Amino acid sequence: MNNTFSQLPKAQKEIIDAWEWYEEKQSGLGDQFKNEVAKKIRTVVENPLHYPVKGKYREAQTDVFPFLIVFKFDKKANMIVIVSVFHTSRHPKRKH
């Protein structure tokens, strides 16, 4: 099965904002963050059912940075929608 994915504008903005924050802290750290998120998204696309359902969404935690990739998976369409890229220190009700 070949899954596809898309990102909501909110998730795209969260990635850009986090990239900028990490780059301000240390040059190149933003790129490491972006690569880590991309790596985890590839893993999610390969096996979305591996990740637990929390309410209406599934969540995959990045390995290096404290972020959750919050997503929906439509089995019939083989489509993953990244809803949020959420820093784990933020309030949980703001995930979506």
Protein backbone atom coordinates (compact mmCIF):
# COMPACT_ATOMS: atom_id res chain seq x y z
CA MET A 1 0.00 0.00 0.00
CA ASN A 2 1.32 3.43 -0.96
CA ASN A 3 0.16 6.14 1.40
CA THR A 4 0.25 9.82 0.60
CA PHE A 5 0.24 12.74 2.99
CA SER A 6 -0.56 16.39 3.24
CA GLN A 7 -0.05 19.00 5.92
CA LEU A 8 -2.58 21.50 7.18
CA PRO A 9 -1.36 25.11 7.07
CA LYS A 10 -1.23 25.09 10.87
CA ALA A 11 1.28 22.22 10.85
CA GLN A 12 3.38 23.94 8.19
CA LYS A 13 3.48 27.12 10.26
CA GLU A 14 4.44 25.20 13.40
CA ILE A 15 7.38 23.61 11.56
CA ILE A 16 8.55 26.99 10.23
CA ASP A 17 8.19 28.65 13.64
CA ALA A 18 10.14 25.87 15.37
CA TRP A 19 12.82 25.94 12.65
CA GLU A 20 13.26 29.69 13.17
CA TRP A 21 13.41 29.29 16.96
CA TYR A 22 16.05 26.54 16.78
CA GLU A 23 18.10 28.50 14.19
CA GLU A 24 18.14 31.51 16.54
CA LYS A 25 19.52 29.28 19.29
CA GLN A 26 22.21 27.67 17.13
CA SER A 27 22.97 27.85 13.42
CA GLY A 28 22.09 24.54 11.78
CA LEU A 29 19.90 23.34 14.65
CA GLY A 30 16.77 24.37 12.74
CA ASP A 31 17.83 22.19 9.83
CA GLN A 32 18.40 19.28 12.22
CA PHE A 33 14.88 19.81 13.55
CA LYS A 34 13.40 19.96 10.04
CA ASN A 35 15.24 16.78 9.03
CA GLU A 36 14.06 14.99 12.17
CA VAL A 37 10.44 15.94 11.48
CA ALA A 38 10.76 14.85 7.83
CA LYS A 39 12.26 11.52 8.94
CA LYS A 40 9.39 10.88 11.36
CA ILE A 41 6.79 11.84 8.74
CA ARG A 42 8.33 9.29 6.35
CA THR A 43 8.03 6.66 9.09
CA VAL A 44 4.39 7.64 9.69
CA VAL A 45 3.63 7.43 5.96
CA GLU A 46 5.20 3.94 5.80
CA ASN A 47 3.26 2.59 8.79
CA PRO A 48 0.57 4.95 10.15
CA LEU A 49 -1.24 2.23 12.10
CA HIS A 50 1.84 1.74 14.28
CA TYR A 51 1.03 4.95 16.16
CA PRO A 52 -1.61 5.11 18.89
CA VAL A 53 -4.96 6.82 18.52
CA LYS A 54 -5.47 9.61 21.04
CA GLY A 55 -9.03 10.86 20.67
CA LYS A 56 -9.62 11.57 16.97
CA TYR A 57 -5.94 11.58 15.98
CA ARG A 58 -2.79 9.50 16.00
CA GLU A 59 0.47 10.79 17.45
CA ALA A 60 4.09 10.09 16.60
CA GLN A 61 6.83 11.51 18.79
CA THR A 62 10.04 12.67 17.16
CA ASP A 63 13.17 10.89 18.37
CA VAL A 64 15.42 13.88 19.09
CA PHE A 65 13.26 16.97 19.57
CA PRO A 66 10.28 17.24 21.96
CA PHE A 67 7.56 17.31 19.31
CA LEU A 68 4.53 15.21 18.44
CA ILE A 69 3.33 14.79 14.89
CA VAL A 70 -0.46 14.72 15.20
CA PHE A 71 -2.21 13.17 12.21
CA LYS A 72 -5.35 11.56 10.80
CA PHE A 73 -5.22 8.45 8.64
CA ASP A 74 -7.90 7.64 6.08
CA LYS A 75 -7.46 3.92 5.35
CA LYS A 76 -9.74 3.91 2.31
CA ALA A 77 -7.88 6.76 0.60
CA ASN A 78 -4.45 5.74 1.96
CA MET A 79 -4.11 9.39 3.00
CA ILE A 80 -2.40 10.87 6.02
CA VAL A 81 -3.17 14.45 7.04
CA ILE A 82 -0.65 16.08 9.37
CA VAL A 83 -2.81 18.22 11.63
CA SER A 84 -0.15 19.62 13.95
CA VAL A 85 3.53 19.47 14.80
CA PHE A 86 3.16 20.08 18.50
CA HIS A 87 5.84 20.95 21.08
CA THR A 88 5.24 18.65 24.03
CA SER A 89 5.64 21.41 26.63
CA ARG A 90 2.58 23.25 25.26
CA HIS A 91 -0.89 22.74 26.68
CA PRO A 92 -2.29 19.42 25.38
CA LYS A 93 -5.66 20.93 24.42
CA ARG A 94 -3.88 23.02 21.79
CA LYS A 95 -2.64 20.00 19.81
CA HIS A 96 -5.22 20.28 17.04
